[in-house]
Amino acid sequence: MQQRFTSPSQVGHVLASRRKALQLSQHAVAEKMGISQNRLSELELDPARLTLDRLIALSNLLGLELVIRDKDTTVTGSDW
């Protein structure tokens, strides 16, 4: 899977979807991260509050990889 993000809410959706696809409960993931289930729920709903450390840890735990690369400079009608 490859996903391009343009807003924080998309990050939360992808993280929650991946967790569910792996059949992991919020409780199980939160426990592995050392946070409460309630806090994980808040972060999935409002991922703008994720620290970079937590985003990387959560991504790793869910088998995801964060990649930063040069942006495609080709302008299409949907970019505006």
PDB file of N, CA and C in Angstrom:
ATOM      1  N   MET A   1       0.848  -1.174   0.000  1.00  0.00           N
ATOM      2  CA  MET A   1       0.000   0.000   0.000  1.00  0.00           C
ATOM      3  C   MET A   1       0.891   1.233   0.000  1.00  0.00           C
ATOM      4  N   GLN A   2       0.495   2.221  -0.764  1.00  0.00           N
ATOM      5  CA  GLN A   2       1.174   3.507  -0.751  1.00  0.00           C
ATOM      6  C   GLN A   2       0.101   4.573  -0.617  1.00  0.00           C
ATOM      7  N   GLN A   3       0.330   5.525   0.266  1.00  0.00           N
ATOM      8  CA  GLN A   3      -0.676   6.553   0.529  1.00  0.00           C
ATOM      9  C   GLN A   3      -0.016   7.919   0.539  1.00  0.00           C
ATOM     10  N   ARG A   4      -0.592   8.857  -0.154  1.00  0.00           N
ATOM     11  CA  ARG A   4      -0.123  10.242  -0.135  1.00  0.00           C
ATOM     12  C   ARG A   4      -1.044  11.025   0.789  1.00  0.00           C
ATOM     13  N   PHE A   5      -0.457  11.768   1.715  1.00  0.00           N
ATOM     14  CA  PHE A   5      -1.246  12.508   2.700  1.00  0.00           C
ATOM     15  C   PHE A   5      -1.253  13.994   2.395  1.00  0.00           C
ATOM     16  N   THR A   6      -2.425  14.567   2.549  1.00  0.00           N
ATOM     17  CA  THR A   6      -2.556  16.018   2.419  1.00  0.00           C
ATOM     18  C   THR A   6      -3.169  16.635   3.660  1.00  0.00           C
ATOM     19  N   SER A   7      -3.583  15.799   4.609  1.00  0.00           N
ATOM     20  CA  SER A   7      -4.132  16.315   5.864  1.00  0.00           C
ATOM     21  C   SER A   7      -3.891  15.307   6.988  1.00  0.00           C
ATOM     22  N   PRO A   8      -3.801  15.787   8.221  1.00  0.00           N
ATOM     23  CA  PRO A   8      -3.599  14.890   9.362  1.00  0.00           C
ATOM     24  C   PRO A   8      -4.704  13.852   9.522  1.00  0.00           C
ATOM     25  N   SER A   9      -5.938  14.205   9.204  1.00  0.00           N
ATOM     26  CA  SER A   9      -7.035  13.253   9.394  1.00  0.00           C
ATOM     27  C   SER A   9      -6.846  11.992   8.554  1.00  0.00           C
ATOM     28  N   GLN A  10      -6.204  12.124   7.409  1.00  0.00           N
ATOM     29  CA  GLN A  10      -5.929  10.956   6.564  1.00  0.00           C
ATOM     30  C   GLN A  10      -4.978   9.998   7.271  1.00  0.00           C
ATOM     31  N   VAL A  11      -4.030  10.529   8.017  1.00  0.00           N
ATOM     32  CA  VAL A  11      -3.073   9.700   8.752  1.00  0.00           C
ATOM     33  C   VAL A  11      -3.818   8.845   9.772  1.00  0.00           C
ATOM     34  N   GLY A  12      -4.720   9.457  10.519  1.00  0.00           N
ATOM     35  CA  GLY A  12      -5.495   8.722  11.516  1.00  0.00           C
ATOM     36  C   GLY A  12      -6.314   7.614  10.895  1.00  0.00           C
ATOM     37  N   HIS A  13      -6.912   7.893   9.755  1.00  0.00           N
ATOM     38  CA  HIS A  13      -7.729   6.889   9.067  1.00  0.00           C
ATOM     39  C   HIS A  13      -6.870   5.703   8.637  1.00  0.00           C
ATOM     40  N   VAL A  14      -5.693   5.978   8.084  1.00  0.00           N
ATOM     41  CA  VAL A  14      -4.808   4.902   7.624  1.00  0.00           C
ATOM     42  C   VAL A  14      -4.319   4.079   8.805  1.00  0.00           C
ATOM     43  N   LEU A  15      -3.929   4.733   9.892  1.00  0.00           N
ATOM     44  CA  LEU A  15      -3.443   4.003  11.067  1.00  0.00           C
ATOM     45  C   LEU A  15      -4.539   3.111  11.650  1.00  0.00           C
ATOM     46  N   ALA A  16      -5.744   3.644  11.783  1.00  0.00           N
ATOM     47  CA  ALA A  16      -6.857   2.860  12.330  1.00  0.00           C
ATOM     48  C   ALA A  16      -7.218   1.703  11.390  1.00  0.00           C
ATOM     49  N   SER A  17      -7.234   1.969  10.093  1.00  0.00           N
ATOM     50  CA  SER A  17      -7.563   0.922   9.122  1.00  0.00           C
ATOM     51  C   SER A  17      -6.529  -0.191   9.148  1.00  0.00           C
ATOM     52  N   ARG A  18      -5.271   0.176   9.246  1.00  0.00           N
ATOM     53  CA  ARG A  18      -4.205  -0.823   9.286  1.00  0.00           C
ATOM     54  C   ARG A  18      -4.306  -1.671  10.561  1.00  0.00           C
ATOM     55  N   ARG A  19      -4.561  -1.005  11.684  1.00  0.00           N
ATOM     56  CA  ARG A  19      -4.709  -1.718  12.959  1.00  0.00           C
ATOM     57  C   ARG A  19      -5.838  -2.738  12.858  1.00  0.00           C
ATOM     58  N   LYS A  20      -6.949  -2.319  12.280  1.00  0.00           N
ATOM     59  CA  LYS A  20      -8.098  -3.218  12.138  1.00  0.00           C
ATOM     60  C   LYS A  20      -7.795  -4.355  11.163  1.00  0.00           C
ATOM     61  N   ALA A  21      -7.079  -4.049  10.079  1.00  0.00           N
ATOM     62  CA  ALA A  21      -6.716  -5.086   9.099  1.00  0.00           C
ATOM     63  C   ALA A  21      -5.823  -6.145   9.740  1.00  0.00           C
ATOM     64  N   LEU A  22      -5.005  -5.736  10.687  1.00  0.00           N
ATOM     65  CA  LEU A  22      -4.139  -6.675  11.413  1.00  0.00           C
ATOM     66  C   LEU A  22      -4.881  -7.355  12.563  1.00  0.00           C
ATOM     67  N   GLN A  23      -6.160  -7.011  12.713  1.00  0.00           N
ATOM     68  CA  GLN A  23      -7.019  -7.556  13.774  1.00  0.00           C
ATOM     69  C   GLN A  23      -6.441  -7.297  15.161  1.00  0.00           C
ATOM     70  N   LEU A  24      -5.942  -6.072  15.331  1.00  0.00           N
ATOM     71  CA  LEU A  24      -5.418  -5.649  16.622  1.00  0.00           C
ATOM     72  C   LEU A  24      -6.395  -4.680  17.269  1.00  0.00           C
ATOM     73  N   SER A  25      -6.644  -4.866  18.531  1.00  0.00           N
ATOM     74  CA  SER A  25      -7.519  -3.944  19.258  1.00  0.00           C
ATOM     75  C   SER A  25      -6.743  -2.689  19.632  1.00  0.00           C
ATOM     76  N   GLN A  26      -7.476  -1.633  19.896  1.00  0.00           N
ATOM     77  CA  GLN A  26      -6.827  -0.422  20.383  1.00  0.00           C
ATOM     78  C   GLN A  26      -6.094  -0.721  21.690  1.00  0.00           C
ATOM     79  N   HIS A  27      -6.694  -1.527  22.525  1.00  0.00           N
ATOM     80  CA  HIS A  27      -6.083  -1.870  23.801  1.00  0.00           C
ATOM     81  C   HIS A  27      -4.731  -2.546  23.598  1.00  0.00           C
ATOM     82  N   ALA A  28      -4.662  -3.517  22.691  1.00  0.00           N
ATOM     83  CA  ALA A  28      -3.418  -4.252  22.446  1.00  0.00           C
ATOM     84  C   ALA A  28      -2.324  -3.334  21.911  1.00  0.00           C
ATOM     85  N   VAL A  29      -2.669  -2.479  20.967  1.00  0.00           N
ATOM     86  CA  VAL A  29      -1.684  -1.559  20.384  1.00  0.00           C
ATOM     87  C   VAL A  29      -1.246  -0.533  21.421  1.00  0.00           C
ATOM     88  N   ALA A  30      -2.197   0.008  22.152  1.00  0.00           N
ATOM     89  CA  ALA A  30      -1.872   1.008  23.171  1.00  0.00           C
ATOM     90  C   ALA A  30      -0.939   0.426  24.228  1.00  0.00           C
ATOM     91  N   GLU A  31      -1.208  -0.803  24.612  1.00  0.00           N
ATOM     92  CA  GLU A  31      -0.367  -1.460  25.621  1.00  0.00           C
ATOM     93  C   GLU A  31       1.076  -1.589  25.112  1.00  0.00           C
ATOM     94  N   LYS A  32       1.237  -1.961  23.856  1.00  0.00           N
ATOM     95  CA  LYS A  32       2.579  -2.095  23.285  1.00  0.00           C
ATOM     96  C   LYS A  32       3.288  -0.747  23.178  1.00  0.00           C
ATOM     97  N   MET A  33       2.506   0.318  23.044  1.00  0.00           N
ATOM     98  CA  MET A  33       3.090   1.654  22.945  1.00  0.00           C
ATOM     99  C   MET A  33       3.285   2.310  24.312  1.00  0.00           C
ATOM    100  N   GLY A  34       2.710   1.711  25.354  1.00  0.00           N
ATOM    101  CA  GLY A  34       2.837   2.282  26.684  1.00  0.00           C
ATOM    102  C   GLY A  34       1.924   3.469  26.930  1.00  0.00           C
ATOM    103  N   ILE A  35       0.779   3.468  26.238  1.00  0.00           N
ATOM    104  CA  ILE A  35      -0.217   4.524  26.444  1.00  0.00           C
ATOM    105  C   ILE A  35      -1.559   3.861  26.720  1.00  0.00           C
ATOM    106  N   SER A  36      -2.540   4.655  27.116  1.00  0.00           N
ATOM    107  CA  SER A  36      -3.862   4.094  27.389  1.00  0.00           C
ATOM    108  C   SER A  36      -4.643   3.884  26.089  1.00  0.00           C
ATOM    109  N   GLN A  37      -5.626   3.013  26.146  1.00  0.00           N
ATOM    110  CA  GLN A  37      -6.491   2.777  24.989  1.00  0.00           C
ATOM    111  C   GLN A  37      -7.213   4.065  24.620  1.00  0.00           C
ATOM    112  N   ASN A  38      -7.626   4.833  25.615  1.00  0.00           N
ATOM    113  CA  ASN A  38      -8.318   6.093  25.372  1.00  0.00           C
ATOM    114  C   ASN A  38      -7.419   7.070  24.611  1.00  0.00           C
ATOM    115  N   ARG A  39      -6.147   7.113  24.986  1.00  0.00           N
ATOM    116  CA  ARG A  39      -5.201   8.005  24.309  1.00  0.00           C
ATOM    117  C   ARG A  39      -4.998   7.584  22.854  1.00  0.00           C
ATOM    118  N   LEU A  40      -4.895   6.289  22.597  1.00  0.00           N
ATOM    119  CA  LEU A  40      -4.756   5.817  21.217  1.00  0.00           C
ATOM    120  C   LEU A  40      -5.992   6.190  20.409  1.00  0.00           C
ATOM    121  N   SER A  41      -7.151   6.034  20.991  1.00  0.00           N
ATOM    122  CA  SER A  41      -8.388   6.415  20.313  1.00  0.00           C
ATOM    123  C   SER A  41      -8.356   7.903  19.948  1.00  0.00           C
ATOM    124  N   GLU A  42      -7.924   8.739  20.884  1.00  0.00           N
ATOM    125  CA  GLU A  42      -7.828  10.181  20.628  1.00  0.00           C
ATOM    126  C   GLU A  42      -6.856  10.466  19.483  1.00  0.00           C
ATOM    127  N   LEU A  43      -5.733   9.746  19.455  1.00  0.00           N
ATOM    128  CA  LEU A  43      -4.742   9.980  18.413  1.00  0.00           C
ATOM    129  C   LEU A  43      -5.225   9.516  17.042  1.00  0.00           C
ATOM    130  N   GLU A  44      -6.003   8.439  17.009  1.00  0.00           N
ATOM    131  CA  GLU A  44      -6.565   7.999  15.723  1.00  0.00           C
ATOM    132  C   GLU A  44      -7.604   9.000  15.223  1.00  0.00           C
ATOM    133  N   LEU A  45      -8.346   9.593  16.142  1.00  0.00           N
ATOM    134  CA  LEU A  45      -9.372  10.568  15.757  1.00  0.00           C
ATOM    135  C   LEU A  45      -8.789  11.946  15.456  1.00  0.00           C
ATOM    136  N   ASP A  46      -7.697  12.302  16.130  1.00  0.00           N
ATOM    137  CA  ASP A  46      -7.071  13.607  15.954  1.00  0.00           C
ATOM    138  C   ASP A  46      -5.558  13.431  15.836  1.00  0.00           C
ATOM    139  N   PRO A  47      -5.084  12.882  14.703  1.00  0.00           N
ATOM    140  CA  PRO A  47      -3.671  12.572  14.552  1.00  0.00           C
ATOM    141  C   PRO A  47      -2.766  13.801  14.495  1.00  0.00           C
ATOM    142  N   ALA A  48      -3.328  14.985  14.379  1.00  0.00           N
ATOM    143  CA  ALA A  48      -2.496  16.194  14.406  1.00  0.00           C
ATOM    144  C   ALA A  48      -1.798  16.325  15.754  1.00  0.00           C
ATOM    145  N   ARG A  49      -2.297  15.612  16.755  1.00  0.00           N
ATOM    146  CA  ARG A  49      -1.709  15.660  18.091  1.00  0.00           C
ATOM    147  C   ARG A  49      -0.605  14.616  18.289  1.00  0.00           C
ATOM    148  N   LEU A  50      -0.349  13.803  17.276  1.00  0.00           N
ATOM    149  CA  LEU A  50       0.726  12.809  17.349  1.00  0.00           C
ATOM    150  C   LEU A  50       2.085  13.498  17.313  1.00  0.00           C
ATOM    151  N   THR A  51       2.979  13.084  18.196  1.00  0.00           N
ATOM    152  CA  THR A  51       4.360  13.543  18.079  1.00  0.00           C
ATOM    153  C   THR A  51       5.026  12.701  17.002  1.00  0.00           C
ATOM    154  N   LEU A  52       6.115  13.198  16.479  1.00  0.00           N
ATOM    155  CA  LEU A  52       6.838  12.451  15.463  1.00  0.00           C
ATOM    156  C   LEU A  52       7.319  11.118  16.023  1.00  0.00           C
ATOM    157  N   ASP A  53       7.796  11.116  17.259  1.00  0.00           N
ATOM    158  CA  ASP A  53       8.236   9.867  17.895  1.00  0.00           C
ATOM    159  C   ASP A  53       7.113   8.842  17.946  1.00  0.00           C
ATOM    160  N   ARG A  54       5.931   9.283  18.346  1.00  0.00           N
ATOM    161  CA  ARG A  54       4.793   8.364  18.438  1.00  0.00           C
ATOM    162  C   ARG A  54       4.328   7.906  17.068  1.00  0.00           C
ATOM    163  N   LEU A  55       4.342   8.790  16.098  1.00  0.00           N
ATOM    164  CA  LEU A  55       3.941   8.413  14.737  1.00  0.00           C
ATOM    165  C   LEU A  55       4.869   7.338  14.192  1.00  0.00           C
ATOM    166  N   ILE A  56       6.164   7.508  14.397  1.00  0.00           N
ATOM    167  CA  ILE A  56       7.126   6.511  13.920  1.00  0.00           C
ATOM    168  C   ILE A  56       6.950   5.196  14.671  1.00  0.00           C
ATOM    169  N   ALA A  57       6.790   5.264  15.993  1.00  0.00           N
ATOM    170  CA  ALA A  57       6.605   4.047  16.791  1.00  0.00           C
ATOM    171  C   ALA A  57       5.337   3.308  16.382  1.00  0.00           C
ATOM    172  N   LEU A  58       4.254   4.037  16.214  1.00  0.00           N
ATOM    173  CA  LEU A  58       2.986   3.422  15.831  1.00  0.00           C
ATOM    174  C   LEU A  58       3.078   2.832  14.430  1.00  0.00           C
ATOM    175  N   SER A  59       3.703   3.542  13.519  1.00  0.00           N
ATOM    176  CA  SER A  59       3.885   3.033  12.155  1.00  0.00           C
ATOM    177  C   SER A  59       4.686   1.738  12.172  1.00  0.00           C
ATOM    178  N   ASN A  60       5.784   1.733  12.911  1.00  0.00           N
ATOM    179  CA  ASN A  60       6.601   0.520  13.011  1.00  0.00           C
ATOM    180  C   ASN A  60       5.809  -0.637  13.595  1.00  0.00           C
ATOM    181  N   LEU A  61       5.058  -0.360  14.629  1.00  0.00           N
ATOM    182  CA  LEU A  61       4.267  -1.397  15.283  1.00  0.00           C
ATOM    183  C   LEU A  61       3.242  -1.997  14.325  1.00  0.00           C
ATOM    184  N   LEU A  62       2.714  -1.174  13.429  1.00  0.00           N
ATOM    185  CA  LEU A  62       1.696  -1.624  12.476  1.00  0.00           C
ATOM    186  C   LEU A  62       2.308  -2.113  11.160  1.00  0.00           C
ATOM    187  N   GLY A  63       3.632  -2.174  11.097  1.00  0.00           N
ATOM    188  CA  GLY A  63       4.284  -2.661   9.884  1.00  0.00           C
ATOM    189  C   GLY A  63       4.238  -1.674   8.735  1.00  0.00           C
ATOM    190  N   LEU A  64       4.196  -0.391   9.066  1.00  0.00           N
ATOM    191  CA  LEU A  64       4.181   0.655   8.047  1.00  0.00           C
ATOM    192  C   LEU A  64       5.523   1.377   8.049  1.00  0.00           C
ATOM    193  N   GLU A  65       5.842   2.006   6.944  1.00  0.00           N
ATOM    194  CA  GLU A  65       7.092   2.739   6.808  1.00  0.00           C
ATOM    195  C   GLU A  65       6.780   4.171   6.389  1.00  0.00           C
ATOM    196  N   LEU A  66       7.381   5.121   7.072  1.00  0.00           N
ATOM    197  CA  LEU A  66       7.232   6.523   6.694  1.00  0.00           C
ATOM    198  C   LEU A  66       8.375   6.897   5.768  1.00  0.00           C
ATOM    199  N   VAL A  67       8.045   7.533   4.662  1.00  0.00           N
ATOM    200  CA  VAL A  67       9.044   7.924   3.676  1.00  0.00           C
ATOM    201  C   VAL A  67       8.820   9.383   3.329  1.00  0.00           C
ATOM    202  N   ILE A  68       9.900  10.138   3.300  1.00  0.00           N
ATOM    203  CA  ILE A  68       9.824  11.526   2.836  1.00  0.00           C
ATOM    204  C   ILE A  68      10.634  11.591   1.553  1.00  0.00           C
ATOM    205  N   ARG A  69      10.021  12.165   0.552  1.00  0.00           N
ATOM    206  CA  ARG A  69      10.705  12.251  -0.738  1.00  0.00           C
ATOM    207  C   ARG A  69      10.346  13.558  -1.408  1.00  0.00           C
ATOM    208  N   ASP A  70      11.053  13.871  -2.461  1.00  0.00           N
ATOM    209  CA  ASP A  70      10.747  15.080  -3.219  1.00  0.00           C
ATOM    210  C   ASP A  70       9.338  14.988  -3.761  1.00  0.00           C
ATOM    211  N   LYS A  71       8.641  16.105  -3.715  1.00  0.00           N
ATOM    212  CA  LYS A  71       7.277  16.167  -4.220  1.00  0.00           C
ATOM    213  C   LYS A  71       7.291  16.201  -5.744  1.00  0.00           C
ATOM    214  N   ASP A  72       6.359  15.483  -6.341  1.00  0.00           N
ATOM    215  CA  ASP A  72       6.183  15.511  -7.786  1.00  0.00           C
ATOM    216  C   ASP A  72       5.729  16.914  -8.156  1.00  0.00           C
ATOM    217  N   THR A  73       6.467  17.569  -8.998  1.00  0.00           N
ATOM    218  CA  THR A  73       6.149  18.959  -9.341  1.00  0.00           C
ATOM    219  C   THR A  73       5.207  19.086 -10.529  1.00  0.00           C
ATOM    220  N   THR A  74       4.741  17.958 -11.053  1.00  0.00           N
ATOM    221  CA  THR A  74       3.784  17.989 -12.140  1.00  0.00           C
ATOM    222  C   THR A  74       2.459  18.521 -11.611  1.00  0.00           C
ATOM    223  N   VAL A  75       1.975  19.589 -12.172  1.00  0.00           N
ATOM    224  CA  VAL A  75       0.724  20.202 -11.727  1.00  0.00           C
ATOM    225  C   VAL A  75      -0.435  19.630 -12.525  1.00  0.00           C
ATOM    226  N   THR A  76      -1.453  19.152 -11.808  1.00  0.00           N
ATOM    227  CA  THR A  76      -2.654  18.682 -12.463  1.00  0.00           C
ATOM    228  C   THR A  76      -3.825  19.512 -11.964  1.00  0.00           C
ATOM    229  N   GLY A  77      -4.938  19.409 -12.593  1.00  0.00           N
ATOM    230  CA  GLY A  77      -6.134  20.158 -12.197  1.00  0.00           C
ATOM    231  C   GLY A  77      -6.559  19.849 -10.769  1.00  0.00           C
ATOM    232  N   SER A  78      -6.328  18.627 -10.302  1.00  0.00           N
ATOM    233  CA  SER A  78      -6.758  18.253  -8.957  1.00  0.00           C
ATOM    234  C   SER A  78      -5.843  18.816  -7.870  1.00  0.00           C
ATOM    235  N   ASP A  79      -4.652  19.325  -8.241  1.00  0.00           N
ATOM    236  CA  ASP A  79      -3.741  19.898  -7.252  1.00  0.00           C
ATOM    237  C   ASP A  79      -4.192  21.262  -6.776  1.00  0.00           C
ATOM    238  N   TRP A  80      -5.075  21.876  -7.506  1.00  0.00           N
ATOM    239  CA  TRP A  80      -5.524  23.225  -7.139  1.00  0.00           C
ATOM    240  C   TRP A  80      -6.876  23.123  -6.611  1.00  0.00           C
TER     241      TRP A  80
END
